[in-house]
Amino acid sequence: MSPLHNGIPSTLPQGAPPVRHYLQFSDFKTEEYHYLLERAAFIKAKFKKFERHHPLVDRTLAMIFEKASTRTRVSFEAGMYQLGGSVVHLTTGDSQLGRAEPIEDSARVISRMTDIVMIRTYEQSKLERFAAHSRVPVINGLTNEFHPCQILADIFTYIEHRGPIEGKTVAWVGDGNNMANTWLQAAASLGFHLRVSTPSGYEVNEKTAVRPDSMGAGSYQTYSNPMDACRGADLVTTDVWTSMGFEAENEVRRAAFAKWCVSQEMMAVAAPNALFMHCLPAHRGEEVEAEVIDGPQSVVWDEAENRMHVQKALMEYLLLGRQ
């Protein structure tokens, strides 16, 4: 018989680790990331050899979307099925999340019927409120403040192509958004150097992300000139100029970001074996030149696929612990 949780049988099996959530990159320790990245490589290798890996049979993932998605939905849904589990897909149009029912009540109900929850929403506070009242793990599929699953995939992709990221230099060119915030946390956790170049008025909010004096083995520097940020960098990465939810600012942002298009010239001053990444969707001719994203230094398609593999490792870890 299952162990009791507040007098009610838990959805977690006997011997499972305590419930943990993944709401931002800083939620895990460095050694946990080393395990997750190794486990993702193991799981991906089995996938490529068409070998079954079904550790999550009879487990159900609830996916809740307040923001539209392509890669997040496909990677989580396909990944959960490949792990032997099943998926329930919810949007604000077909659920009570944030409407007539308080988020806390939705969390209490959904977490009694499923084993793990992924939420893609606007405010980080909404995700945190859900997690605080969930009895199963909650994963951040993207918020305005953080995008930890994407950065996990980016780091995994870098390691696949170039080896350990510790001590390397990553250049972020563009908006000081959820991706930039998460790169700051990743540098603190994994000991690489981060250079951030944003237009004036679009800087990273250090109070939201990580303060420079808490960067640990990593480092964080800002550059007013994106060319300087890219000089000698091992990885150059960017995102759209206008994130979802900020569409009203599109024309203003186009003007402000005009000099922050990742160009062939920027890649030329980076390290000779530098990689280019973009979390997608991309707008060629805006935040990146077509010759860069479609060129030989770009690994954006591996990066997109790797969302699925690292998230499989993440879900397995949250539900079963180390294997």
Protein backbone atom coordinates (compact mmCIF):
# COMPACT_ATOMS: atom_id res chain seq x y z
CA MET A 1 0.00 0.00 0.00
CA SER A 2 1.26 3.51 -0.81
CA PRO A 3 2.61 5.67 2.02
CA LEU A 4 0.18 8.26 3.33
CA HIS A 5 0.54 11.96 2.58
CA ASN A 6 -1.68 14.05 4.85
CA GLY A 7 -3.80 10.94 5.35
CA ILE A 8 -4.15 10.26 1.61
CA PRO A 9 -2.13 7.75 -0.47
CA SER A 10 0.74 9.57 -2.17
CA THR A 11 1.17 9.47 -5.95
CA LEU A 12 4.90 8.84 -5.33
CA PRO A 13 6.16 5.28 -4.80
CA GLN A 14 7.66 4.02 -1.56
CA GLY A 15 11.31 4.96 -1.26
CA ALA A 16 11.06 7.88 -3.69
CA PRO A 17 13.00 11.06 -2.80
CA PRO A 18 11.15 14.04 -1.30
CA VAL A 19 9.23 16.19 -3.77
CA ARG A 20 11.50 18.69 -5.50
CA HIS A 21 10.68 21.33 -8.07
CA TYR A 22 12.71 22.84 -10.91
CA LEU A 23 11.63 26.48 -11.07
CA GLN A 24 14.94 28.14 -11.94
CA PHE A 25 18.48 27.02 -12.74
CA SER A 26 19.79 27.80 -9.26
CA ASP A 27 17.45 25.16 -7.76
CA PHE A 28 20.04 22.42 -8.40
CA LYS A 29 23.60 22.04 -7.16
CA THR A 30 26.64 21.73 -9.42
CA GLU A 31 27.00 18.00 -8.81
CA GLU A 32 23.35 17.47 -9.71
CA TYR A 33 23.95 19.14 -13.05
CA HIS A 34 26.95 16.90 -13.67
CA TYR A 35 24.70 13.90 -13.09
CA LEU A 36 21.83 15.27 -15.23
CA LEU A 37 24.11 16.05 -18.15
CA GLU A 38 25.68 12.58 -18.03
CA ARG A 39 22.26 10.99 -17.71
CA ALA A 40 20.92 12.99 -20.67
CA ALA A 41 23.82 11.67 -22.78
CA PHE A 42 22.96 8.11 -21.72
CA ILE A 43 19.26 8.56 -22.50
CA LYS A 44 19.99 10.21 -25.85
CA ALA A 45 22.36 7.37 -26.84
CA LYS A 46 19.61 4.82 -26.16
CA PHE A 47 17.15 6.92 -28.19
CA LYS A 48 19.55 7.04 -31.15
CA LYS A 49 19.97 3.25 -31.03
CA PHE A 50 16.19 2.74 -30.87
CA GLU A 51 16.52 1.10 -27.47
CA ARG A 52 13.54 1.33 -25.14
CA HIS A 53 13.94 3.26 -21.92
CA HIS A 54 10.68 3.18 -19.95
CA PRO A 55 11.38 4.14 -16.33
CA LEU A 56 8.17 6.20 -16.06
CA VAL A 57 5.57 3.59 -16.99
CA ASP A 58 2.17 4.49 -15.47
CA ARG A 59 3.35 8.03 -14.68
CA THR A 60 1.44 11.03 -16.02
CA LEU A 61 2.80 14.45 -16.94
CA ALA A 62 0.42 17.41 -16.84
CA MET A 63 1.48 20.20 -19.22
CA ILE A 64 -0.11 23.60 -18.55
CA PHE A 65 0.33 26.33 -21.17
CA GLU A 66 -0.53 29.99 -20.75
CA LYS A 67 2.06 30.88 -23.42
CA ALA A 68 1.96 29.25 -26.84
CA SER A 69 4.69 26.74 -27.60
CA THR A 70 6.18 24.52 -30.28
CA ARG A 71 9.45 23.14 -28.91
CA THR A 72 8.34 23.02 -25.28
CA ARG A 73 5.20 21.07 -26.03
CA VAL A 74 6.77 18.63 -28.51
CA SER A 75 9.89 18.02 -26.41
CA PHE A 76 8.02 17.36 -23.16
CA GLU A 77 5.20 15.39 -24.72
CA ALA A 78 7.37 13.20 -26.94
CA GLY A 79 9.88 12.80 -24.13
CA MET A 80 7.31 11.60 -21.60
CA TYR A 81 5.89 9.07 -24.06
CA GLN A 82 9.40 7.82 -24.81
CA LEU A 83 9.92 7.29 -21.07
CA GLY A 84 6.82 5.09 -21.02
CA GLY A 85 4.47 7.62 -19.43
CA SER A 86 1.43 9.54 -20.58
CA VAL A 87 0.54 13.22 -20.96
CA VAL A 88 -2.37 15.53 -20.17
CA HIS A 89 -2.27 18.81 -22.09
CA LEU A 90 -4.00 21.87 -20.64
CA THR A 91 -4.29 25.49 -21.70
CA THR A 92 -6.03 28.41 -19.99
CA GLY A 93 -8.82 27.93 -22.52
CA ASP A 94 -9.68 24.45 -21.25
CA SER A 95 -8.75 24.69 -17.59
CA GLN A 96 -9.55 26.86 -14.59
CA LEU A 97 -5.95 27.90 -13.99
CA GLY A 98 -5.91 31.57 -13.06
CA ARG A 99 -9.57 32.13 -13.93
CA ALA A 100 -12.48 31.15 -11.70
CA GLU A 101 -10.30 28.90 -9.54
CA PRO A 102 -7.32 30.08 -7.48
CA ILE A 103 -3.95 28.75 -8.62
CA GLU A 104 -3.47 27.13 -5.25
CA ASP A 105 -6.66 25.08 -5.67
CA SER A 106 -5.71 24.04 -9.21
CA ALA A 107 -2.35 22.85 -7.87
CA ARG A 108 -3.98 20.81 -5.13
CA VAL A 109 -6.29 19.09 -7.61
CA ILE A 110 -3.93 18.52 -10.55
CA SER A 111 -1.16 17.20 -8.32
CA ARG A 112 -3.51 14.54 -6.89
CA MET A 113 -4.25 13.18 -10.35
CA THR A 114 -0.84 13.37 -12.05
CA ASP A 115 2.77 12.61 -11.11
CA ILE A 116 4.64 15.63 -12.44
CA VAL A 117 3.64 19.04 -13.82
CA MET A 118 5.24 21.33 -16.40
CA ILE A 119 3.99 24.93 -16.58
CA ARG A 120 4.75 27.54 -19.24
CA THR A 121 3.37 30.87 -18.06
CA TYR A 122 4.05 34.58 -17.65
CA GLU A 123 4.89 35.51 -14.05
CA GLN A 124 7.38 33.41 -12.08
CA SER A 125 5.25 34.12 -9.02
CA LYS A 126 2.36 32.16 -10.53
CA LEU A 127 4.61 29.14 -11.03
CA GLU A 128 5.91 29.43 -7.47
CA ARG A 129 2.38 29.62 -6.04
CA PHE A 130 1.43 26.46 -7.92
CA ALA A 131 4.55 24.62 -6.75
CA ALA A 132 3.99 25.65 -3.13
CA HIS A 133 0.66 23.79 -3.15
CA SER A 134 1.65 20.83 -5.36
CA ARG A 135 2.42 17.40 -3.93
CA VAL A 136 4.31 16.40 -7.10
CA PRO A 137 7.33 17.96 -8.86
CA VAL A 138 6.74 21.13 -10.89
CA ILE A 139 8.99 22.14 -13.81
CA ASN A 140 9.38 25.62 -15.25
CA GLY A 141 8.73 25.33 -19.01
CA LEU A 142 9.31 29.10 -19.34
CA THR A 143 8.33 32.24 -17.47
CA ASN A 144 9.05 35.92 -18.08
CA GLU A 145 11.92 35.63 -15.63
CA PHE A 146 13.58 32.26 -16.31
CA HIS A 147 13.94 29.47 -18.88
CA PRO A 148 16.05 26.79 -17.13
CA CYS A 149 15.21 23.83 -19.41
CA GLN A 150 16.47 25.74 -22.44
CA ILE A 151 19.79 26.65 -20.84
CA LEU A 152 20.20 23.05 -19.66
CA ALA A 153 19.79 21.96 -23.29
CA ASP A 154 22.22 24.66 -24.48
CA ILE A 155 24.92 23.55 -22.06
CA PHE A 156 24.38 19.90 -22.98
CA THR A 157 24.74 20.85 -26.66
CA TYR A 158 27.96 22.74 -26.01
CA ILE A 159 29.42 19.75 -24.15
CA GLU A 160 28.44 17.41 -27.01
CA HIS A 161 30.33 19.54 -29.52
CA ARG A 162 33.22 21.02 -27.54
CA GLY A 163 33.56 19.23 -24.19
CA PRO A 164 33.31 20.74 -20.68
CA ILE A 165 31.97 24.29 -20.44
CA GLU A 166 33.82 25.09 -17.21
CA GLY A 167 36.26 27.94 -17.78
CA LYS A 168 34.84 28.75 -21.22
CA THR A 169 33.41 32.11 -22.29
CA VAL A 170 29.78 32.57 -23.32
CA ALA A 171 28.64 35.79 -25.00
CA TRP A 172 24.99 36.79 -24.70
CA VAL A 173 23.96 39.38 -27.31
CA GLY A 174 20.51 40.95 -27.12
CA ASP A 175 17.74 41.40 -24.58
CA GLY A 176 18.34 41.06 -20.85
CA ASN A 177 15.42 38.63 -20.70
CA ASN A 178 14.59 35.26 -19.12
CA MET A 179 17.35 33.57 -21.12
CA ALA A 180 19.98 36.08 -19.99
CA ASN A 181 18.82 35.74 -16.37
CA THR A 182 19.21 31.98 -16.58
CA TRP A 183 22.64 32.18 -18.20
CA LEU A 184 23.77 34.18 -15.16
CA GLN A 185 22.60 31.42 -12.84
CA ALA A 186 24.23 28.76 -15.02
CA ALA A 187 27.58 30.56 -14.95
CA ALA A 188 27.39 30.61 -11.16
CA SER A 189 26.61 26.89 -11.02
CA LEU A 190 28.97 25.57 -13.68
CA GLY A 191 31.96 27.89 -13.52
CA PHE A 192 32.12 29.51 -16.95
CA HIS A 193 32.53 33.17 -17.87
CA LEU A 194 29.53 35.11 -19.12
CA ARG A 195 29.61 38.31 -21.14
CA VAL A 196 26.34 40.16 -21.58
CA SER A 197 25.75 42.91 -24.14
CA THR A 198 22.35 44.58 -24.23
CA PRO A 199 21.07 47.94 -25.47
CA SER A 200 20.70 50.66 -22.85
CA GLY A 201 17.44 50.18 -20.99
CA TYR A 202 17.30 46.44 -21.64
CA GLU A 203 19.92 45.25 -19.17
CA VAL A 204 19.69 42.11 -17.06
CA ASN A 205 17.91 42.67 -13.76
CA GLU A 206 20.52 41.41 -11.31
CA LYS A 207 18.01 41.26 -8.44
CA THR A 208 15.91 38.83 -10.49
CA ALA A 209 18.84 36.73 -11.66
CA VAL A 210 22.09 36.47 -9.72
CA ARG A 211 24.14 39.27 -8.22
CA PRO A 212 27.75 39.41 -9.51
CA ASP A 213 29.14 38.95 -5.97
CA SER A 214 27.43 35.55 -5.78
CA MET A 215 28.68 34.20 -9.08
CA GLY A 216 30.80 31.49 -7.47
CA ALA A 217 33.37 29.99 -9.85
CA GLY A 218 31.85 31.78 -12.82
CA SER A 219 32.04 35.43 -13.77
CA TYR A 220 29.73 38.00 -15.32
CA GLN A 221 30.66 41.13 -17.23
CA THR A 222 28.61 43.63 -19.23
CA TYR A 223 29.62 45.20 -22.52
CA SER A 224 28.07 48.18 -24.27
CA ASN A 225 29.53 47.01 -27.60
CA PRO A 226 28.37 43.52 -28.66
CA MET A 227 31.51 43.07 -30.76
CA ASP A 228 33.62 43.33 -27.59
CA ALA A 229 31.43 40.76 -25.85
CA CYS A 230 31.95 38.30 -28.71
CA ARG A 231 35.71 38.76 -28.94
CA GLY A 232 37.35 35.41 -28.14
CA ALA A 233 34.07 33.86 -26.95
CA ASP A 234 33.61 30.09 -27.17
CA LEU A 235 29.85 30.38 -27.58
CA VAL A 236 27.75 33.25 -28.95
CA THR A 237 24.04 33.08 -28.26
CA THR A 238 20.97 35.27 -28.61
CA ASP A 239 17.17 35.39 -28.62
CA VAL A 240 14.41 37.35 -30.33
CA TRP A 241 14.35 41.08 -29.66
CA THR A 242 10.70 41.00 -28.59
CA SER A 243 9.70 38.16 -26.26
CA MET A 244 6.15 36.88 -25.98
CA GLY A 245 4.02 39.33 -24.04
CA PHE A 246 5.99 42.40 -25.15
CA GLU A 247 4.63 42.66 -28.70
CA ALA A 248 3.41 46.21 -28.14
CA GLU A 249 7.06 47.28 -27.84
CA ASN A 250 8.09 45.68 -31.14
CA GLU A 251 8.86 48.81 -33.17
CA VAL A 252 10.64 50.55 -30.31
CA ARG A 253 12.73 47.44 -29.74
CA ARG A 254 13.62 47.13 -33.44
CA ALA A 255 15.21 50.56 -33.28
CA ALA A 256 16.94 49.98 -29.93
CA PHE A 257 18.40 46.59 -30.91
CA ALA A 258 19.57 47.43 -34.45
CA LYS A 259 23.28 47.03 -33.50
CA TRP A 260 22.65 43.79 -31.62
CA CYS A 261 22.19 41.50 -34.60
CA VAL A 262 24.65 38.60 -34.36
CA SER A 263 26.62 39.00 -37.57
CA GLN A 264 29.36 37.17 -39.44
CA GLU A 265 31.72 39.88 -38.19
CA MET A 266 30.86 39.09 -34.57
CA MET A 267 31.42 35.38 -35.14
CA ALA A 268 34.73 36.16 -36.88
CA VAL A 269 36.13 37.83 -33.73
CA ALA A 270 34.95 34.96 -31.51
CA ALA A 271 37.20 31.97 -30.85
CA PRO A 272 38.10 30.02 -34.02
CA ASN A 273 35.92 27.05 -32.97
CA ALA A 274 33.10 29.15 -31.47
CA LEU A 275 29.53 27.89 -31.69
CA PHE A 276 26.35 29.86 -32.29
CA MET A 277 23.08 29.09 -30.50
CA HIS A 278 19.54 30.46 -30.55
CA CYS A 279 16.61 29.09 -28.54
CA LEU A 280 14.22 29.67 -31.48
CA PRO A 281 12.01 30.79 -33.11
CA ALA A 282 14.47 32.99 -34.99
CA HIS A 283 13.95 36.06 -37.14
CA ARG A 284 16.72 36.09 -39.72
CA GLY A 285 17.89 39.62 -40.41
CA GLU A 286 16.85 40.84 -36.96
CA GLU A 287 18.64 39.27 -33.99
CA VAL A 288 20.84 37.09 -36.23
CA GLU A 289 22.01 37.09 -39.82
CA ALA A 290 20.84 34.18 -41.95
CA GLU A 291 24.47 33.41 -42.80
CA VAL A 292 25.18 32.84 -39.09
CA ILE A 293 22.18 30.76 -38.02
CA ASP A 294 22.38 28.68 -41.21
CA GLY A 295 26.17 28.61 -41.24
CA PRO A 296 28.75 26.03 -40.13
CA GLN A 297 29.15 27.39 -36.58
CA SER A 298 25.43 27.10 -35.82
CA VAL A 299 24.19 24.17 -33.73
CA VAL A 300 20.62 25.39 -33.29
CA TRP A 301 19.00 22.17 -34.56
CA ASP A 302 20.98 19.97 -32.18
CA GLU A 303 20.13 22.50 -29.48
CA ALA A 304 16.41 22.23 -30.23
CA GLU A 305 16.44 18.42 -30.22
CA ASN A 306 18.39 18.33 -27.00
CA ARG A 307 15.53 19.99 -25.13
CA MET A 308 13.82 16.61 -25.27
CA HIS A 309 16.79 14.61 -24.01
CA VAL A 310 17.70 16.83 -21.06
CA GLN A 311 14.05 17.10 -20.05
CA LYS A 312 13.75 13.32 -20.08
CA ALA A 313 16.71 13.16 -17.70
CA LEU A 314 15.16 15.90 -15.59
CA MET A 315 11.75 14.22 -15.28
CA GLU A 316 13.36 10.88 -14.46
CA TYR A 317 15.50 12.54 -11.78
CA LEU A 318 12.63 14.45 -10.18
CA LEU A 319 10.47 11.33 -10.00
CA LEU A 320 13.00 8.57 -9.33
CA GLY A 321 16.20 10.20 -8.14
CA ARG A 322 19.61 9.03 -9.33
CA GLN A 323 19.59 5.83 -11.35
